């Protein structure tokens, strides 16, 4: 699964267009802040994504297995952070409901779904933070979350804890952006290594599962 960082509406500075129904603008991400996992995003982190010119889909609560409810027609880096123009598809079944919820601010904010590009982060040990310098932006969701700010950030470590089968591991890799063939090859190799599970002790199997999770976590950072 992609990493996710949330930006509450009060920081997004959301404004709806007066001329185009369903269009809004605001900041999907702010620079130089430190989240509850001690991550900070630096200016320039989105430039490669912007230069690629790809369309960034809009989802509700990161439900990326559904049809996108809209898209972002503009991305730009400003002094404060990543500025976006979003277009809600009002012909989508959930489009009008999403538009209404955003206008009423009954949804909580915007949240980016991303991967860190290779070499796109480093540890600032002096300040105990991970500095993110290059992001591969996958999607931006409109989200609602519990009031606890510490629960606002969802990271891949939590999702690794939910792996209960090799199929779960494969789906996690697919969500992280790996191709189907790469994810299948990885899981096939793990399956080969665990083929004799029935003859192993419980402790050996548990240890092997922990190793699988560690390998996936390392792959997420590549």
Foldseek 3Di string as FASTA:
>chain_A
DFWKFADWPVQFVKDADPPDPQKIKGAQDFAPDQAPQQEGEHPQQCVVVVVVVDKAFEDAAPPVVDDGQWTWPDWDADNGGIMTMIGGDCVPPCRVVVSVCVVVVVFTGKMWGWFQPVVQWDAPVVVGHIYGYYINTHHMYGGHDDPPRNVRTDGVLVQLVVDDDLVSQLVSVVSLPDDNVVSVVVSVVLCVVCVVVVVDDPVVVVVSSVVSSVVSVVVRND
